[in-house]
C-alpha atoms as a PDB file:
ATOM      1  CA  MET A   1      13.002  13.937 -88.525  1.00  0.00           C
ATOM      2  CA  LYS A   2       9.333  13.068 -88.914  1.00  0.00           C
ATOM      3  CA  ALA A   3       9.990   9.675 -87.362  1.00  0.00           C
ATOM      4  CA  LEU A   4      11.665  11.325 -84.328  1.00  0.00           C
ATOM      5  CA  PHE A   5       8.647  13.641 -83.857  1.00  0.00           C
ATOM      6  CA  ILE A   6       6.224  10.723 -83.949  1.00  0.00           C
ATOM      7  CA  THR A   7       8.372   8.841 -81.419  1.00  0.00           C
ATOM      8  CA  LEU A   8       8.366  11.853 -79.049  1.00  0.00           C
ATOM      9  CA  LEU A   9       4.602  12.249 -79.481  1.00  0.00           C
ATOM     10  CA  ILE A  10       4.040   8.627 -78.560  1.00  0.00           C
ATOM     11  CA  PHE A  11       6.311   8.967 -75.534  1.00  0.00           C
ATOM     12  CA  VAL A  12       4.579  12.164 -74.297  1.00  0.00           C
ATOM     13  CA  SER A  13       1.121  10.611 -74.804  1.00  0.00           C
ATOM     14  CA  ALA A  14       2.125   7.534 -72.842  1.00  0.00           C
ATOM     15  CA  PHE A  15       3.516   9.711 -70.036  1.00  0.00           C
ATOM     16  CA  LEU A  16       0.328  11.809 -69.832  1.00  0.00           C
ATOM     17  CA  ILE A  17      -1.877   8.704 -69.751  1.00  0.00           C
ATOM     18  CA  TYR A  18       0.230   7.207 -66.970  1.00  0.00           C
ATOM     19  CA  ASP A  19       0.303  10.516 -65.066  1.00  0.00           C
ATOM     20  CA  ARG A  20      -3.484  10.794 -65.255  1.00  0.00           C
ATOM     21  CA  PHE A  21      -4.500   7.238 -64.494  1.00  0.00           C
ATOM     22  CA  GLY A  22      -1.458   5.410 -63.128  1.00  0.00           C
ATOM     23  CA  THR A  23       0.171   7.896 -60.782  1.00  0.00           C
ATOM     24  CA  PRO A  24      -1.161   7.923 -57.139  1.00  0.00           C
ATOM     25  CA  VAL A  25      -3.034  11.004 -56.007  1.00  0.00           C
ATOM     26  CA  GLY A  26      -0.673  13.574 -54.608  1.00  0.00           C
ATOM     27  CA  LYS A  27       2.255  12.511 -56.864  1.00  0.00           C
ATOM     28  CA  ARG A  28       0.948  13.590 -60.305  1.00  0.00           C
ATOM     29  CA  VAL A  29       3.109  15.988 -62.312  1.00  0.00           C
ATOM     30  CA  VAL A  30       0.709  17.408 -64.928  1.00  0.00           C
ATOM     31  CA  PHE A  31      -2.809  16.742 -63.804  1.00  0.00           C
ATOM     32  CA  GLU A  32      -3.999  18.712 -60.784  1.00  0.00           C
ATOM     33  CA  ASN A  33      -3.850  16.981 -57.418  1.00  0.00           C
ATOM     34  CA  PRO A  34      -6.891  17.339 -55.139  1.00  0.00           C
ATOM     35  CA  PRO A  35      -6.359  19.737 -52.237  1.00  0.00           C
ATOM     36  CA  LEU A  36      -4.930  18.112 -49.165  1.00  0.00           C
ATOM     37  CA  GLU A  37      -7.363  17.879 -46.240  1.00  0.00           C
ATOM     38  CA  VAL A  38      -5.974  19.620 -43.194  1.00  0.00           C
ATOM     39  CA  PRO A  39      -7.191  17.854 -40.089  1.00  0.00           C
ATOM     40  CA  ASP A  40      -9.385  19.959 -37.849  1.00  0.00           C
ATOM     41  CA  GLU A  41      -7.478  20.513 -34.590  1.00  0.00           C
ATOM     42  CA  THR A  42     -10.556  21.826 -32.805  1.00  0.00           C
ATOM     43  CA  PRO A  43     -11.433  19.381 -30.040  1.00  0.00           C
ATOM     44  CA  ARG A  44     -14.783  17.748 -30.593  1.00  0.00           C
ATOM     45  CA  ARG A  45     -17.244  16.848 -27.859  1.00  0.00           C
ATOM     46  CA  SER A  46     -18.233  13.252 -27.692  1.00  0.00           C
ATOM     47  CA  VAL A  47     -21.846  12.533 -28.522  1.00  0.00           C
ATOM     48  CA  TYR A  48     -22.153  10.366 -25.393  1.00  0.00           C
ATOM     49  CA  SER A  49     -20.555  12.230 -22.531  1.00  0.00           C
ATOM     50  CA  THR A  50     -20.550  11.202 -18.883  1.00  0.00           C
ATOM     51  CA  PRO A  51     -21.562  14.073 -16.625  1.00  0.00           C
ATOM     52  CA  ALA A  52     -19.194  14.995 -13.816  1.00  0.00           C
ATOM     53  CA  PRO A  53     -20.111  13.251 -10.579  1.00  0.00           C
ATOM     54  CA  ARG A  54     -22.002  15.348  -8.079  1.00  0.00           C
ATOM     55  CA  VAL A  55     -20.398  15.341  -4.683  1.00  0.00           C
ATOM     56  CA  THR A  56     -22.985  15.809  -1.990  1.00  0.00           C
ATOM     57  CA  GLU A  57     -22.886  15.298   1.741  1.00  0.00           C
ATOM     58  CA  ALA A  58     -25.259  12.500   2.648  1.00  0.00           C
ATOM     59  CA  PRO A  59     -27.658  13.250   5.487  1.00  0.00           C
ATOM     60  CA  PRO A  60     -27.082  11.324   8.717  1.00  0.00           C
ATOM     61  CA  PRO A  61     -28.922   7.983   8.801  1.00  0.00           C
ATOM     62  CA  THR A  62     -32.130   7.792  10.762  1.00  0.00           C
ATOM     63  CA  LEU A  63     -34.148   4.904  12.102  1.00  0.00           C
ATOM     64  CA  THR A  64     -37.358   4.716  10.087  1.00  0.00           C
ATOM     65  CA  GLY A  65     -40.389   5.877  11.992  1.00  0.00           C
ATOM     66  CA  THR A  66     -38.520   6.962  15.130  1.00  0.00           C
ATOM     67  CA  GLY A  67     -36.722  10.161  14.207  1.00  0.00           C
ATOM     68  CA  PHE A  68     -33.594   8.983  16.026  1.00  0.00           C
ATOM     69  CA  VAL A  69     -30.402  10.368  14.491  1.00  0.00           C
ATOM     70  CA  PRO A  70     -27.261   8.393  15.408  1.00  0.00           C
ATOM     71  CA  PRO A  71     -24.466  10.570  16.819  1.00  0.00           C
ATOM     72  CA  THR A  72     -21.657  11.598  14.507  1.00  0.00           C
ATOM     73  CA  ILE A  73     -18.558   9.623  15.470  1.00  0.00           C
ATOM     74  CA  GLU A  74     -15.067  10.574  14.365  1.00  0.00           C
ATOM     75  CA  SER A  75     -13.219   8.162  12.120  1.00  0.00           C
ATOM     76  CA  LEU A  76     -10.479   6.045  13.645  1.00  0.00           C
ATOM     77  CA  GLU A  77      -7.871   7.840  11.550  1.00  0.00           C
ATOM     78  CA  SER A  78      -9.057  11.162  12.956  1.00  0.00           C
ATOM     79  CA  LEU A  79      -9.127   9.920  16.554  1.00  0.00           C
ATOM     80  CA  THR A  80      -5.579   8.553  16.292  1.00  0.00           C
ATOM     81  CA  LYS A  81      -4.386  11.468  14.143  1.00  0.00           C
ATOM     82  CA  ASN A  82      -3.483   9.060  11.354  1.00  0.00           C
ATOM     83  CA  TRP A  83      -2.062   6.434  13.740  1.00  0.00           C
ATOM     84  CA  THR A  84       0.277   8.763  15.598  1.00  0.00           C
ATOM     85  CA  VAL A  85      -1.638   9.317  18.865  1.00  0.00           C
ATOM     86  CA  PHE A  86      -2.917   6.656  21.278  1.00  0.00           C
ATOM     87  CA  PRO A  87      -4.247   7.024  24.823  1.00  0.00           C
ATOM     88  CA  PRO A  88      -1.920   5.675  27.537  1.00  0.00           C
ATOM     89  CA  THR A  89      -4.587   3.103  28.398  1.00  0.00           C
ATOM     90  CA  ALA A  90      -3.877   1.393  25.058  1.00  0.00           C
ATOM     91  CA  PHE A  91      -0.656  -0.012  26.606  1.00  0.00           C
ATOM     92  CA  PRO A  92       0.779  -2.422  27.407  1.00  0.00           C
ATOM     93  CA  ARG A  93      -0.716  -4.766  24.840  1.00  0.00           C
ATOM     94  CA  GLN A  94       0.456  -7.912  23.126  1.00  0.00           C
ATOM     95  CA  VAL A  95       1.077  -7.526  19.401  1.00  0.00           C
ATOM     96  CA  LYS A  96       2.241  -9.749  16.569  1.00  0.00           C
ATOM     97  CA  LEU A  97       5.273  -8.620  14.594  1.00  0.00           C
ATOM     98  CA  SER A  98       5.327  -8.649  10.786  1.00  0.00           C
ATOM     99  CA  LYS A  99       9.008  -7.620  10.729  1.00  0.00           C
ATOM    100  CA  PRO A 100      11.925  -8.583  12.973  1.00  0.00           C
ATOM    101  CA  VAL A 101      12.806  -6.285  15.882  1.00  0.00           C
ATOM    102  CA  GLN A 102      16.257  -5.932  17.379  1.00  0.00           C
ATOM    103  CA  LEU A 103      16.170  -5.589  21.161  1.00  0.00           C
ATOM    104  CA  GLN A 104      18.927  -3.669  22.913  1.00  0.00           C
ATOM    105  CA  MET A 105      20.077  -4.619  26.390  1.00  0.00           C
ATOM    106  CA  ALA A 106      23.035  -3.954  28.664  1.00  0.00           C
ATOM    107  CA  GLY A 107      24.841  -7.141  27.674  1.00  0.00           C
ATOM    108  CA  GLY A 108      24.256  -6.915  23.921  1.00  0.00           C
ATOM    109  CA  SER A 109      21.279  -7.421  21.661  1.00  0.00           C
ATOM    110  CA  ALA A 110      18.746 -10.010  20.596  1.00  0.00           C
ATOM    111  CA  THR A 111      16.296 -10.251  17.727  1.00  0.00           C
ATOM    112  CA  LEU A 112      12.608 -11.081  17.779  1.00  0.00           C
ATOM    113  CA  PRO A 113      11.725 -12.614  14.390  1.00  0.00           C
ATOM    114  CA  ALA A 114       8.784 -11.715  12.197  1.00  0.00           C
ATOM    115  CA  GLY A 115       5.723 -13.630  13.314  1.00  0.00           C
ATOM    116  CA  ALA A 116       6.701 -13.518  16.985  1.00  0.00           C
ATOM    117  CA  THR A 117       4.530 -11.945  19.653  1.00  0.00           C
ATOM    118  CA  ALA A 118       5.801  -9.147  21.869  1.00  0.00           C
ATOM    119  CA  PHE A 119       4.486  -6.398  24.106  1.00  0.00           C
ATOM    120  CA  ALA A 120       3.968  -2.827  22.934  1.00  0.00           C
ATOM    121  CA  LEU A 121       4.738  -0.718  26.009  1.00  0.00           C
ATOM    122  CA  SER A 122       4.117   2.767  24.601  1.00  0.00           C
ATOM    123  CA  ALA A 123       4.057   4.761  21.388  1.00  0.00           C
ATOM    124  CA  GLN A 124       5.814   7.862  20.170  1.00  0.00           C
ATOM    125  CA  ALA A 125       4.272   9.161  16.952  1.00  0.00           C
ATOM    126  CA  ASN A 126       3.849   6.024  14.826  1.00  0.00           C
ATOM    127  CA  VAL A 127       6.647   4.019  16.479  1.00  0.00           C
ATOM    128  CA  LEU A 128       6.043   1.424  19.188  1.00  0.00           C
ATOM    129  CA  LEU A 129       8.397   0.608  22.046  1.00  0.00           C
ATOM    130  CA  ILE A 130       8.651  -3.194  22.090  1.00  0.00           C
ATOM    131  CA  ALA A 131       9.749  -5.729  24.705  1.00  0.00           C
ATOM    132  CA  ALA A 132       9.605  -9.521  24.797  1.00  0.00           C
ATOM    133  CA  THR A 133       7.516  -9.386  28.015  1.00  0.00           C
ATOM    134  CA  GLU A 134       5.900  -6.627  30.057  1.00  0.00           C
ATOM    135  CA  THR A 135       8.749  -6.650  32.568  1.00  0.00           C
ATOM    136  CA  ALA A 136      11.722  -7.364  30.271  1.00  0.00           C
ATOM    137  CA  THR A 137      14.445  -4.704  30.270  1.00  0.00           C
ATOM    138  CA  ALA A 138      15.493  -5.222  26.625  1.00  0.00           C
ATOM    139  CA  ARG A 139      13.783  -2.722  24.323  1.00  0.00           C
ATOM    140  CA  GLY A 140      13.303  -2.311  20.594  1.00  0.00           C
ATOM    141  CA  GLN A 141      11.306  -0.143  18.202  1.00  0.00           C
ATOM    142  CA  ILE A 142       8.979  -0.920  15.311  1.00  0.00           C
ATOM    143  CA  PHE A 143       6.479   1.010  13.213  1.00  0.00           C
ATOM    144  CA  VAL A 144       2.842   0.634  14.243  1.00  0.00           C
ATOM    145  CA  HIS A 145       1.877  -0.759  10.831  1.00  0.00           C
ATOM    146  CA  ASP A 146       4.563  -3.435  11.074  1.00  0.00           C
ATOM    147  CA  THR A 147       2.451  -5.075  13.787  1.00  0.00           C
ATOM    148  CA  ASP A 148      -1.151  -6.203  14.086  1.00  0.00           C
ATOM    149  CA  MET A 149      -1.951  -3.299  16.415  1.00  0.00           C
ATOM    150  CA  PRO A 150      -3.969  -1.412  13.735  1.00  0.00           C
ATOM    151  CA  THR A 151      -6.158  -4.497  13.283  1.00  0.00           C
ATOM    152  CA  GLN A 152      -6.682  -4.819  17.041  1.00  0.00           C
ATOM    153  CA  VAL A 153      -7.515  -1.147  17.463  1.00  0.00           C
ATOM    154  CA  ARG A 154      -9.898  -1.121  14.493  1.00  0.00           C
ATOM    155  CA  GLU A 155     -11.829  -4.079  15.915  1.00  0.00           C
ATOM    156  CA  SER A 156     -12.096  -2.292  19.276  1.00  0.00           C
ATOM    157  CA  TYR A 157     -13.178   0.898  17.516  1.00  0.00           C
ATOM    158  CA  GLU A 158     -15.981  -0.829  15.606  1.00  0.00           C
ATOM    159  CA  ARG A 159     -17.331  -2.389  18.825  1.00  0.00           C
ATOM    160  CA  TRP A 160     -17.093   0.951  20.634  1.00  0.00           C
ATOM    161  CA  LYS A 161     -18.782   2.797  17.757  1.00  0.00           C
ATOM    162  CA  LYS A 162     -21.661   0.328  17.672  1.00  0.00           C
ATOM    163  CA  GLY A 163     -22.052   0.562  21.451  1.00  0.00           C
ATOM    164  CA  ARG A 164     -22.160   4.369  21.399  1.00  0.00           C
ATOM    165  CA  ILE A 165     -24.934   4.351  18.805  1.00  0.00           C
ATOM    166  CA  GLU A 166     -26.934   1.799  20.788  1.00  0.00           C
ATOM    167  CA  ILE A 167     -26.508   3.800  24.007  1.00  0.00           C
ATOM    168  CA  ALA A 168     -27.568   7.001  22.234  1.00  0.00           C
ATOM    169  CA  GLN A 169     -30.669   5.267  20.898  1.00  0.00           C
ATOM    170  CA  VAL A 170     -31.649   4.046  24.374  1.00  0.00           C
ATOM    171  CA  ALA A 171     -31.181   7.557  25.796  1.00  0.00           C
ATOM    172  CA  TRP A 172     -33.254   9.061  22.972  1.00  0.00           C
ATOM    173  CA  LYS A 173     -36.120   6.638  23.605  1.00  0.00           C
ATOM    174  CA  LYS A 174     -36.125   7.493  27.300  1.00  0.00           C
ATOM    175  CA  GLN A 175     -36.255  11.184  26.471  1.00  0.00           C
ATOM    176  CA  GLN A 176     -39.278  10.616  24.243  1.00  0.00           C
ATOM    177  CA  THR A 177     -41.206   8.736  26.913  1.00  0.00           C
ATOM    178  CA  SER A 178     -40.280  11.190  29.662  1.00  0.00           C
ATOM    179  CA  GLY A 179     -41.297  14.200  27.626  1.00  0.00           C
ATOM    180  CA  GLY A 180     -37.750  15.584  27.721  1.00  0.00           C
ATOM    181  CA  GLY A 181     -36.043  17.525  30.450  1.00  0.00           C
ATOM    182  CA  VAL A 182     -36.147  16.246  34.020  1.00  0.00           C
ATOM    183  CA  SER A 183     -37.333  18.871  36.482  1.00  0.00           C
ATOM    184  CA  VAL A 184     -36.245  18.740  40.143  1.00  0.00           C
ATOM    185  CA  PRO A 185     -37.907  21.116  42.622  1.00  0.00           C
ATOM    186  CA  GLY A 186     -35.359  23.358  44.336  1.00  0.00           C
ATOM    187  CA  ALA A 187     -32.493  22.263  42.058  1.00  0.00           C
ATOM    188  CA  VAL A 188     -31.961  25.796  40.686  1.00  0.00           C
ATOM    189  CA  ASP A 189     -32.048  29.210  42.339  1.00  0.00           C
ATOM    190  CA  ALA A 190     -34.187  32.234  41.467  1.00  0.00           C
ATOM    191  CA  VAL A 191     -32.115  33.066  38.354  1.00  0.00           C
ATOM    192  CA  GLY A 192     -32.055  29.455  37.109  1.00  0.00           C
ATOM    193  CA  LYS A 193     -28.515  28.687  38.294  1.00  0.00           C
ATOM    194  CA  PRO A 194     -28.053  25.035  39.363  1.00  0.00           C
ATOM    195  CA  LYS A 195     -27.513  24.598  43.103  1.00  0.00           C
ATOM    196  CA  ARG A 196     -24.408  22.759  44.270  1.00  0.00           C
ATOM    197  CA  ASN A 197     -24.592  20.106  46.995  1.00  0.00           C
ATOM    198  CA  ALA A 198     -22.081  19.808  49.814  1.00  0.00           C
ATOM    199  CA  ASP A 199     -20.207  17.038  47.982  1.00  0.00           C
ATOM    200  CA  GLY A 200     -19.931  19.191  44.842  1.00  0.00           C
ATOM    201  CA  SER A 201     -22.676  17.432  42.890  1.00  0.00           C
ATOM    202  CA  TYR A 202     -25.890  18.909  41.480  1.00  0.00           C
ATOM    203  CA  ASP A 203     -29.334  17.367  41.990  1.00  0.00           C
ATOM    204  CA  LEU A 204     -30.496  18.423  38.527  1.00  0.00           C
ATOM    205  CA  LEU A 205     -27.601  16.649  36.801  1.00  0.00           C
ATOM    206  CA  LEU A 206     -27.859  13.603  39.044  1.00  0.00           C
ATOM    207  CA  ALA A 207     -31.554  13.274  38.234  1.00  0.00           C
ATOM    208  CA  SER A 208     -30.798  13.510  34.495  1.00  0.00           C
ATOM    209  CA  MET A 209     -28.220  10.724  34.751  1.00  0.00           C
ATOM    210  CA  LYS A 210     -30.449   8.479  36.864  1.00  0.00           C
ATOM    211  CA  SER A 211     -33.416   8.947  34.511  1.00  0.00           C
ATOM    212  CA  GLY A 212     -31.353   7.804  31.522  1.00  0.00           C
ATOM    213  CA  GLU A 213     -31.254  11.148  29.696  1.00  0.00           C
ATOM    214  CA  VAL A 214     -27.497  10.603  29.483  1.00  0.00           C
ATOM    215  CA  THR A 215     -25.957   7.154  29.790  1.00  0.00           C
ATOM    216  CA  ASP A 216     -22.270   7.684  28.988  1.00  0.00           C
ATOM    217  CA  ILE A 217     -21.667   9.183  32.448  1.00  0.00           C
ATOM    218  CA  LYS A 218     -21.579   6.596  35.229  1.00  0.00           C
ATOM    219  CA  LEU A 219     -22.034   7.947  38.733  1.00  0.00           C
ATOM    220  CA  ASN A 220     -19.122   5.908  40.062  1.00  0.00           C
ATOM    221  CA  LYS A 221     -16.827   7.250  37.318  1.00  0.00           C
ATOM    222  CA  ILE A 222     -17.326  10.962  37.987  1.00  0.00           C
ATOM    223  CA  GLN A 223     -14.018  12.610  38.902  1.00  0.00           C
ATOM    224  CA  ARG A 224     -15.177  16.153  39.628  1.00  0.00           C
ATOM    225  CA  TRP A 225     -17.931  18.682  38.975  1.00  0.00           C
ATOM    226  CA  GLY A 226     -17.506  22.035  37.288  1.00  0.00           C
ATOM    227  CA  SER A 227     -19.109  25.364  38.163  1.00  0.00           C
ATOM    228  CA  PRO A 228     -22.186  26.839  36.434  1.00  0.00           C
ATOM    229  CA  GLN A 229     -21.426  29.445  33.765  1.00  0.00           C
ATOM    230  CA  ALA A 230     -23.981  31.934  32.437  1.00  0.00           C
ATOM    231  CA  THR A 231     -24.017  32.287  28.650  1.00  0.00           C
ATOM    232  CA  THR A 232     -26.337  32.656  25.664  1.00  0.00           C
ATOM    233  CA  ILE A 233     -27.219  29.668  23.485  1.00  0.00           C
ATOM    234  CA  ASP A 234     -29.868  29.633  20.746  1.00  0.00           C
ATOM    235  CA  SER A 235     -30.338  33.351  21.510  1.00  0.00           C
ATOM    236  CA  GLN A 236     -31.583  32.449  24.992  1.00  0.00           C
ATOM    237  CA  PRO A 237     -30.008  32.824  28.456  1.00  0.00           C
ATOM    238  CA  THR A 238     -28.513  29.447  29.373  1.00  0.00           C
ATOM    239  CA  TRP A 239     -26.404  27.962  32.141  1.00  0.00           C
ATOM    240  CA  THR A 240     -23.639  25.505  31.215  1.00  0.00           C
ATOM    241  CA  LEU A 241     -22.161  23.036  33.670  1.00  0.00           C
ATOM    242  CA  SER A 242     -19.411  20.475  33.026  1.00  0.00           C
ATOM    243  CA  VAL A 243     -18.903  17.030  34.510  1.00  0.00           C
ATOM    244  CA  PHE A 244     -15.476  15.402  34.343  1.00  0.00           C
ATOM    245  CA  TYR A 245     -15.520  11.627  34.319  1.00  0.00           C
ATOM    246  CA  GLU A 246     -13.917   8.440  33.008  1.00  0.00           C
ATOM    247  CA  THR A 247     -15.447   6.691  30.022  1.00  0.00           C
ATOM    248  CA  ILE A 248     -14.535   3.846  27.697  1.00  0.00           C
ATOM    249  CA  ALA A 249     -13.108   4.890  24.342  1.00  0.00           C
ATOM    250  CA  PHE A 250     -12.065   2.877  21.312  1.00  0.00           C
ATOM    251  CA  CYS A 251      -9.022   1.379  23.013  1.00  0.00           C
ATOM    252  CA  GLY A 252      -9.555   1.698  26.734  1.00  0.00           C
ATOM    253  CA  PRO A 253     -10.744   4.121  29.407  1.00  0.00           C
ATOM    254  CA  ILE A 254     -10.089   7.831  28.931  1.00  0.00           C
ATOM    255  CA  ASP A 255     -10.884  11.049  30.780  1.00  0.00           C
ATOM    256  CA  ALA A 256     -13.818  12.946  29.289  1.00  0.00           C
ATOM    257  CA  GLU A 257     -15.826  16.133  29.811  1.00  0.00           C
ATOM    258  CA  ALA A 258     -19.561  16.417  29.244  1.00  0.00           C
ATOM    259  CA  GLN A 259     -21.447  19.689  29.402  1.00  0.00           C
ATOM    260  CA  ALA A 260     -25.059  20.120  30.472  1.00  0.00           C
ATOM    261  CA  GLN A 261     -26.908  23.101  29.014  1.00  0.00           C
ATOM    262  CA  ILE A 262     -29.622  24.257  31.402  1.00  0.00           C
ATOM    263  CA  ARG A 263     -32.564  26.537  30.738  1.00  0.00           C
ATOM    264  CA  ASP A 264     -35.780  27.170  32.695  1.00  0.00           C
ATOM    265  CA  GLY A 265     -34.748  24.702  35.378  1.00  0.00           C
ATOM    266  CA  LYS A 266     -34.244  21.812  32.920  1.00  0.00           C
ATOM    267  CA  ILE A 267     -31.336  20.327  30.975  1.00  0.00           C
ATOM    268  CA  VAL A 268     -32.015  21.036  27.303  1.00  0.00           C
ATOM    269  CA  ARG A 269     -29.050  19.036  26.027  1.00  0.00           C
ATOM    270  CA  TRP A 270     -25.802  17.282  26.924  1.00  0.00           C
ATOM    271  CA  ILE A 271     -22.805  17.827  24.622  1.00  0.00           C
ATOM    272  CA  TYR A 272     -19.065  17.264  24.459  1.00  0.00           C
ATOM    273  CA  PRO A 273     -17.647  20.832  24.643  1.00  0.00           C
ATOM    274  CA  GLY A 274     -14.806  20.171  22.212  1.00  0.00           C
ATOM    275  CA  SER A 275     -16.855  18.822  19.340  1.00  0.00           C
ATOM    276  CA  GLY A 276     -20.425  19.830  20.161  1.00  0.00           C
ATOM    277  CA  GLU A 277     -21.425  16.193  19.658  1.00  0.00           C
ATOM    278  CA  PRO A 278     -24.387  15.036  21.778  1.00  0.00           C
ATOM    279  CA  VAL A 279     -23.444  12.911  24.759  1.00  0.00           C
ATOM    280  CA  PRO A 280     -25.219   9.537  24.567  1.00  0.00           C
END
């Protein structure tokens, strides 16, 4: 019996020694396991954090030392309403196809392969009406972006945009040297209303154009003259008078309207009525 007790004692001692020193933490039976660490679920802020970008509207560029502010010009996407609207003067034009186009004709059909050139005759939304030549009767359709028309139009737009800024700069310089506001004796009546000539023109506006105050309007491109309208601008009594004319846009000539704002017998500014943008 004594021998059995000693055997059990040895066994228990060996088990306790193993449990204390040999068993991994967390799996011990007798000796206390250390408390489990519960991970902190609270989100921590990084020591090095990148501040949120500040979105600011950059001021319009100016030419150093002159004070000239280039006119704001709409983006090409805005002018074309995301490539769905083109002036009629943009057609017909030769384009290169990046996808084949099936042409329909009275006697059947034919296919123009990708890489071929064709003529875009018109556009409806973002789809071009295509023909092999300007006079061919067979017609097909293709998306604008499946041709090189966007590239052509963008190149024309960039040239037009640059030209408008240069014209505006020339007009601004002339205004600075002239002192601003051409005055023509007898061009307005007693209340400051511009006087109309027999041919519908106005001496005050003609003098402004000839002096270079406005250069986008060419005398030989004027289609008609509007009538003076009395209004209030800048909290001051002002006469407005529109001129309707043809000008060159980003992809050909278009009809335009420019408005002269007249005060104290002088034109204080020329603007496009729709956008309020200065007329170069």
